[in-house]
């Protein structure tokens, strides 16, 4: 813009003082235009954020962490057990078993971990 204003002022036989004013004012106008575009882009980004918040407000809420149904105070009980006999677990039908014929019993309040040493 400054270039075109300078060329116009030089070829239009305008006085030197007026040419300087045209060049300076065209530079000011160009900078103001850049700032305006920057501000409008930032306003658009801010409104995108507002649209996203409005969208999140319409998302259904999750259920509360604690519902009306709680386990009894004596749970887990000190009675009963879980017995697993010859468990075979595969990640896929085409792969070999990750756990092959595993048997174990879990008694009440016991914590277990299954580690496979099979390669």
N, C-alpha and C. Protein backbone atom coordinates (compact mmCIF):
# COMPACT_ATOMS: atom_id res chain seq x y z
N UNK A 1 0.82 -1.17 0.00
CA UNK A 1 0.00 0.00 0.00
C UNK A 1 0.88 1.26 0.00
N UNK A 2 1.94 1.22 0.82
CA UNK A 2 2.85 2.36 0.86
C UNK A 2 3.52 2.54 -0.50
N UNK A 3 3.88 1.43 -1.12
CA UNK A 3 4.53 1.48 -2.43
C UNK A 3 3.62 2.15 -3.46
N UNK A 4 2.36 1.73 -3.51
CA UNK A 4 1.44 2.30 -4.49
C UNK A 4 1.15 3.78 -4.21
N UNK A 5 1.05 4.14 -2.95
CA UNK A 5 0.82 5.55 -2.60
C UNK A 5 2.02 6.40 -3.00
N UNK A 6 3.23 5.86 -2.83
CA UNK A 6 4.44 6.59 -3.21
C UNK A 6 4.50 6.77 -4.72
N UNK A 7 4.24 5.71 -5.45
CA UNK A 7 4.26 5.78 -6.92
C UNK A 7 3.21 6.79 -7.41
N UNK A 8 2.01 6.71 -6.82
CA UNK A 8 0.96 7.65 -7.22
C UNK A 8 1.37 9.10 -6.95
N UNK A 9 1.96 9.35 -5.76
CA UNK A 9 2.35 10.72 -5.41
C UNK A 9 3.48 11.23 -6.30
N UNK A 10 4.40 10.36 -6.69
CA UNK A 10 5.52 10.78 -7.52
C UNK A 10 5.09 11.08 -8.96
N UNK A 11 4.19 10.28 -9.49
CA UNK A 11 3.78 10.47 -10.88
C UNK A 11 2.64 11.47 -11.04
N UNK A 12 2.04 11.88 -9.95
CA UNK A 12 0.93 12.84 -10.02
C UNK A 12 1.42 14.27 -9.87
N UNK A 13 2.73 14.45 -9.84
CA UNK A 13 3.33 15.78 -9.70
C UNK A 13 2.81 16.52 -8.47
N UNK A 14 2.81 15.82 -7.34
CA UNK A 14 2.38 16.39 -6.07
C UNK A 14 3.61 16.99 -5.40
N UNK A 15 3.44 18.03 -4.59
CA UNK A 15 4.58 18.67 -3.93
C UNK A 15 5.26 17.70 -2.97
N UNK A 16 6.49 18.02 -2.61
CA UNK A 16 7.28 17.14 -1.74
C UNK A 16 6.63 16.96 -0.37
N UNK A 17 6.13 18.01 0.20
CA UNK A 17 5.48 17.93 1.52
C UNK A 17 4.25 17.06 1.48
N UNK A 18 3.44 17.24 0.47
CA UNK A 18 2.23 16.44 0.34
C UNK A 18 2.58 14.97 0.06
N UNK A 19 3.65 14.73 -0.71
CA UNK A 19 4.10 13.35 -0.97
C UNK A 19 4.50 12.68 0.34
N UNK A 20 5.21 13.41 1.20
CA UNK A 20 5.62 12.84 2.49
C UNK A 20 4.40 12.51 3.34
N UNK A 21 3.41 13.39 3.34
CA UNK A 21 2.20 13.14 4.12
C UNK A 21 1.47 11.90 3.59
N UNK A 22 1.39 11.77 2.26
CA UNK A 22 0.73 10.60 1.66
C UNK A 22 1.45 9.32 2.05
N UNK A 23 2.77 9.33 2.00
CA UNK A 23 3.55 8.12 2.34
C UNK A 23 3.35 7.76 3.81
N UNK A 24 3.48 8.75 4.69
CA UNK A 24 3.33 8.48 6.13
C UNK A 24 1.93 8.00 6.46
N UNK A 25 0.93 8.66 5.90
CA UNK A 25 -0.45 8.27 6.20
C UNK A 25 -0.79 6.89 5.63
N UNK A 26 -0.23 6.55 4.48
CA UNK A 26 -0.49 5.22 3.93
C UNK A 26 0.17 4.14 4.81
N UNK A 27 1.34 4.46 5.38
CA UNK A 27 1.98 3.52 6.30
C UNK A 27 1.15 3.35 7.57
N UNK A 28 0.62 4.46 8.08
CA UNK A 28 -0.24 4.40 9.27
C UNK A 28 -1.50 3.58 8.96
N UNK A 29 -2.10 3.81 7.80
CA UNK A 29 -3.30 3.07 7.42
C UNK A 29 -3.00 1.57 7.28
N UNK A 30 -1.85 1.23 6.68
CA UNK A 30 -1.48 -0.18 6.52
C UNK A 30 -1.30 -0.85 7.89
N UNK A 31 -0.65 -0.17 8.83
CA UNK A 31 -0.46 -0.73 10.18
C UNK A 31 -1.80 -0.87 10.89
N UNK A 32 -2.66 0.12 10.74
CA UNK A 32 -3.99 0.04 11.36
C UNK A 32 -4.78 -1.13 10.77
N UNK A 33 -4.64 -1.35 9.48
CA UNK A 33 -5.33 -2.48 8.84
C UNK A 33 -4.82 -3.81 9.38
N UNK A 34 -3.51 -3.93 9.56
CA UNK A 34 -2.93 -5.17 10.12
C UNK A 34 -3.44 -5.41 11.54
N UNK A 35 -3.47 -4.36 12.34
CA UNK A 35 -3.95 -4.50 13.72
C UNK A 35 -5.42 -4.89 13.74
N UNK A 36 -6.21 -4.31 12.84
CA UNK A 36 -7.63 -4.65 12.78
C UNK A 36 -7.82 -6.12 12.43
N UNK A 37 -7.08 -6.61 11.47
CA UNK A 37 -7.18 -8.03 11.10
C UNK A 37 -6.77 -8.92 12.27
N UNK A 38 -5.71 -8.53 12.99
CA UNK A 38 -5.25 -9.31 14.13
C UNK A 38 -6.33 -9.36 15.22
N UNK A 39 -6.94 -8.21 15.51
CA UNK A 39 -7.97 -8.15 16.54
C UNK A 39 -9.20 -8.96 16.12
N UNK A 40 -9.59 -8.87 14.87
CA UNK A 40 -10.75 -9.64 14.40
C UNK A 40 -10.48 -11.14 14.46
N UNK A 41 -9.26 -11.55 14.15
CA UNK A 41 -8.90 -12.98 14.25
C UNK A 41 -8.97 -13.43 15.70
N UNK A 42 -8.50 -12.60 16.64
CA UNK A 42 -8.56 -12.96 18.05
C UNK A 42 -10.00 -13.03 18.55
N UNK A 43 -10.85 -12.13 18.08
CA UNK A 43 -12.27 -12.17 18.46
C UNK A 43 -12.90 -13.46 17.95
N UNK A 44 -12.57 -13.86 16.73
CA UNK A 44 -13.11 -15.11 16.19
C UNK A 44 -12.66 -16.31 17.03
N UNK A 45 -11.39 -16.32 17.44
CA UNK A 45 -10.91 -17.41 18.29
C UNK A 45 -11.62 -17.42 19.64
N UNK A 46 -11.87 -16.23 20.19
CA UNK A 46 -12.58 -16.16 21.47
C UNK A 46 -14.01 -16.69 21.33
N UNK A 47 -14.66 -16.38 20.23
CA UNK A 47 -16.01 -16.89 20.03
C UNK A 47 -16.01 -18.39 19.78
N UNK A 48 -14.96 -18.92 19.19
CA UNK A 48 -14.85 -20.38 19.07
C UNK A 48 -14.79 -21.02 20.45
N UNK A 49 -14.08 -20.39 21.36
CA UNK A 49 -14.03 -20.91 22.73
C UNK A 49 -15.39 -20.86 23.39
N UNK A 50 -16.14 -19.79 23.16
CA UNK A 50 -17.48 -19.69 23.73
C UNK A 50 -18.38 -20.77 23.14
N UNK A 51 -18.29 -21.02 21.84
CA UNK A 51 -19.09 -22.08 21.23
C UNK A 51 -18.75 -23.44 21.83
N UNK A 52 -17.48 -23.67 22.09
CA UNK A 52 -17.06 -24.94 22.68
C UNK A 52 -17.63 -25.08 24.09
N UNK A 53 -17.63 -24.00 24.87
CA UNK A 53 -18.19 -24.06 26.22
C UNK A 53 -19.68 -24.34 26.17
N UNK A 54 -20.39 -23.69 25.26
CA UNK A 54 -21.83 -23.93 25.11
C UNK A 54 -22.08 -25.40 24.74
N UNK A 55 -21.24 -25.93 23.86
CA UNK A 55 -21.37 -27.34 23.48
C UNK A 55 -21.15 -28.26 24.68
N UNK A 56 -20.16 -27.94 25.51
CA UNK A 56 -19.90 -28.77 26.70
C UNK A 56 -21.02 -28.67 27.72
N UNK A 57 -21.72 -27.53 27.76
CA UNK A 57 -22.83 -27.41 28.69
C UNK A 57 -23.98 -28.34 28.34
N UNK A 58 -24.06 -28.75 27.06
CA UNK A 58 -25.15 -29.62 26.62
C UNK A 58 -24.81 -31.11 26.73
N UNK A 59 -23.57 -31.42 27.12
CA UNK A 59 -23.17 -32.82 27.27
C UNK A 59 -23.86 -33.38 28.52
N UNK A 60 -24.44 -34.58 28.41
CA UNK A 60 -25.11 -35.14 29.60
C UNK A 60 -24.11 -35.39 30.72
N UNK A 61 -24.55 -35.14 31.93
CA UNK A 61 -23.68 -35.31 33.11
C UNK A 61 -23.53 -36.79 33.44
N UNK A 62 -22.37 -37.12 34.01
CA UNK A 62 -22.14 -38.49 34.46
C UNK A 62 -22.95 -38.74 35.73
N UNK A 63 -23.16 -40.01 36.00
CA UNK A 63 -23.85 -40.36 37.24
C UNK A 63 -22.98 -39.98 38.42
N UNK A 64 -23.58 -39.70 39.57
CA UNK A 64 -22.77 -39.39 40.75
C UNK A 64 -21.92 -40.58 41.14
N UNK A 65 -20.80 -40.30 41.78
CA UNK A 65 -19.87 -41.36 42.16
C UNK A 65 -20.52 -42.32 43.14
N UNK A 66 -21.27 -41.80 44.08
CA UNK A 66 -21.93 -42.64 45.07
C UNK A 66 -23.41 -42.64 44.76
N UNK A 67 -23.93 -43.81 44.49
CA UNK A 67 -25.37 -43.94 44.24
C UNK A 67 -26.06 -44.32 45.55
N UNK A 68 -27.34 -44.49 45.52
CA UNK A 68 -28.09 -44.86 46.72
C UNK A 68 -27.81 -46.27 47.17
N UNK A 69 -27.22 -47.08 46.28
CA UNK A 69 -26.97 -48.48 46.63
C UNK A 69 -25.51 -48.64 47.03
N UNK A 70 -25.27 -48.87 48.30
CA UNK A 70 -23.92 -49.11 48.79
C UNK A 70 -23.83 -50.55 49.27
N UNK A 71 -22.63 -51.13 49.19
CA UNK A 71 -22.51 -52.48 49.72
C UNK A 71 -22.67 -52.46 51.24
N UNK A 72 -23.06 -53.59 51.79
CA UNK A 72 -23.23 -53.62 53.25
C UNK A 72 -21.90 -53.37 53.97
N UNK A 73 -21.98 -52.98 55.22
CA UNK A 73 -20.79 -52.63 55.99
C UNK A 73 -19.84 -53.82 56.16
N UNK A 74 -20.36 -55.03 56.16
CA UNK A 74 -19.52 -56.20 56.35
C UNK A 74 -18.87 -56.68 55.05
N UNK A 75 -19.15 -55.99 53.93
CA UNK A 75 -18.58 -56.40 52.65
C UNK A 75 -17.20 -55.83 52.49
N UNK A 76 -16.21 -56.48 51.97
CA UNK A 76 -16.23 -57.90 51.58
C UNK A 76 -16.21 -58.78 52.81
N UNK A 77 -16.91 -59.85 52.71
CA UNK A 77 -17.09 -60.70 53.89
C UNK A 77 -15.85 -61.54 54.14
N UNK A 78 -15.85 -62.19 55.25
CA UNK A 78 -14.74 -63.07 55.61
C UNK A 78 -15.07 -64.51 55.25
N UNK A 79 -16.14 -64.72 54.51
CA UNK A 79 -16.52 -66.06 54.11
C UNK A 79 -16.50 -66.18 52.60
N UNK A 80 -16.49 -67.38 52.10
CA UNK A 80 -16.54 -67.65 50.68
C UNK A 80 -15.15 -67.63 50.06
N UNK A 81 -15.09 -68.05 48.82
CA UNK A 81 -13.83 -68.07 48.08
C UNK A 81 -14.12 -68.20 46.59
N UNK A 82 -13.10 -67.88 45.76
CA UNK A 82 -13.21 -68.03 44.32
C UNK A 82 -12.19 -69.08 43.91
N UNK A 83 -12.67 -70.07 43.15
CA UNK A 83 -11.79 -71.14 42.71
C UNK A 83 -11.76 -71.13 41.17
N UNK A 84 -10.55 -71.02 40.61
CA UNK A 84 -10.37 -71.03 39.16
C UNK A 84 -9.61 -72.30 38.82
N UNK A 85 -10.12 -73.06 37.83
CA UNK A 85 -9.52 -74.34 37.49
C UNK A 85 -9.25 -74.40 35.99
N UNK A 86 -7.99 -74.59 35.60
CA UNK A 86 -7.56 -74.74 34.21
C UNK A 86 -8.00 -73.57 33.32
N UNK A 87 -7.70 -72.36 33.74
CA UNK A 87 -8.04 -71.16 32.98
C UNK A 87 -7.07 -71.00 31.81
N UNK A 88 -7.61 -70.77 30.62
CA UNK A 88 -6.80 -70.50 29.42
C UNK A 88 -7.25 -69.15 28.87
N UNK A 89 -6.29 -68.21 28.73
CA UNK A 89 -6.60 -66.87 28.23
C UNK A 89 -5.72 -66.58 27.03
N UNK A 90 -6.37 -66.15 25.92
CA UNK A 90 -5.65 -65.76 24.70
C UNK A 90 -6.03 -64.33 24.34
N UNK A 91 -5.09 -63.58 23.79
CA UNK A 91 -5.39 -62.24 23.29
C UNK A 91 -6.14 -62.31 21.97
N UNK A 92 -5.87 -63.36 21.21
CA UNK A 92 -6.52 -63.54 19.92
C UNK A 92 -6.51 -65.03 19.62
N UNK A 93 -7.44 -65.45 18.79
CA UNK A 93 -7.49 -66.87 18.43
C UNK A 93 -6.23 -67.33 17.73
N UNK A 94 -5.57 -66.42 17.01
CA UNK A 94 -4.38 -66.81 16.26
C UNK A 94 -3.10 -66.80 17.10
N UNK A 95 -3.17 -66.31 18.33
CA UNK A 95 -1.98 -66.23 19.19
C UNK A 95 -1.96 -67.37 20.19
N UNK A 96 -0.79 -67.71 20.69
CA UNK A 96 -0.72 -68.75 21.73
C UNK A 96 -1.31 -68.21 23.03
N UNK A 97 -1.69 -69.07 23.94
CA UNK A 97 -2.31 -68.62 25.19
C UNK A 97 -1.35 -67.77 26.02
N UNK A 98 -1.86 -66.69 26.59
CA UNK A 98 -1.07 -65.89 27.52
C UNK A 98 -1.04 -66.56 28.88
N UNK A 99 -2.15 -67.14 29.26
CA UNK A 99 -2.24 -67.98 30.46
C UNK A 99 -2.74 -69.34 30.02
N UNK A 100 -2.03 -70.37 30.38
CA UNK A 100 -2.36 -71.71 29.90
C UNK A 100 -2.57 -72.65 31.08
N UNK A 101 -3.79 -73.09 31.26
CA UNK A 101 -4.18 -74.04 32.31
C UNK A 101 -3.73 -73.56 33.68
N UNK A 102 -4.21 -72.38 34.06
CA UNK A 102 -3.89 -71.79 35.36
C UNK A 102 -5.00 -72.16 36.33
N UNK A 103 -4.60 -72.64 37.51
CA UNK A 103 -5.56 -72.98 38.55
C UNK A 103 -5.15 -72.28 39.84
N UNK A 104 -6.11 -71.71 40.52
CA UNK A 104 -5.81 -71.08 41.81
C UNK A 104 -7.12 -70.86 42.57
N UNK A 105 -6.96 -70.59 43.87
CA UNK A 105 -8.09 -70.31 44.75
C UNK A 105 -7.81 -68.99 45.46
N UNK A 106 -8.81 -68.14 45.50
CA UNK A 106 -8.69 -66.86 46.19
C UNK A 106 -9.60 -66.91 47.41
N UNK A 107 -8.98 -66.74 48.58
CA UNK A 107 -9.74 -66.73 49.82
C UNK A 107 -10.17 -65.30 50.15
N UNK A 108 -11.10 -65.14 51.07
CA UNK A 108 -11.61 -63.80 51.41
C UNK A 108 -10.49 -62.85 51.84
N UNK A 109 -10.60 -61.59 51.40
CA UNK A 109 -9.69 -60.50 51.72
C UNK A 109 -8.26 -60.75 51.23
N UNK A 110 -8.10 -61.66 50.32
CA UNK A 110 -6.79 -61.94 49.75
C UNK A 110 -6.60 -61.14 48.46
N UNK A 111 -5.40 -60.65 48.26
CA UNK A 111 -5.07 -59.95 47.02
C UNK A 111 -4.13 -60.84 46.25
N UNK A 112 -4.40 -60.96 44.93
CA UNK A 112 -3.57 -61.86 44.13
C UNK A 112 -3.04 -61.13 42.91
N UNK A 113 -2.01 -61.67 42.34
CA UNK A 113 -1.46 -61.22 41.07
C UNK A 113 -1.04 -62.43 40.29
N UNK A 114 -1.32 -62.45 39.00
CA UNK A 114 -0.94 -63.58 38.14
C UNK A 114 0.17 -63.11 37.22
N UNK A 115 1.31 -63.79 37.29
CA UNK A 115 2.46 -63.45 36.47
C UNK A 115 2.76 -64.65 35.60
N UNK A 116 2.84 -64.40 34.30
CA UNK A 116 3.14 -65.48 33.37
C UNK A 116 4.62 -65.41 33.01
N UNK A 117 5.31 -66.55 33.14
CA UNK A 117 6.72 -66.62 32.76
C UNK A 117 6.88 -67.26 31.39
N UNK A 118 5.77 -67.59 30.76
CA UNK A 118 5.80 -68.20 29.44
C UNK A 118 6.19 -67.17 28.40
N UNK A 119 7.10 -67.51 27.52
CA UNK A 119 7.55 -66.55 26.48
C UNK A 119 6.91 -66.84 25.17
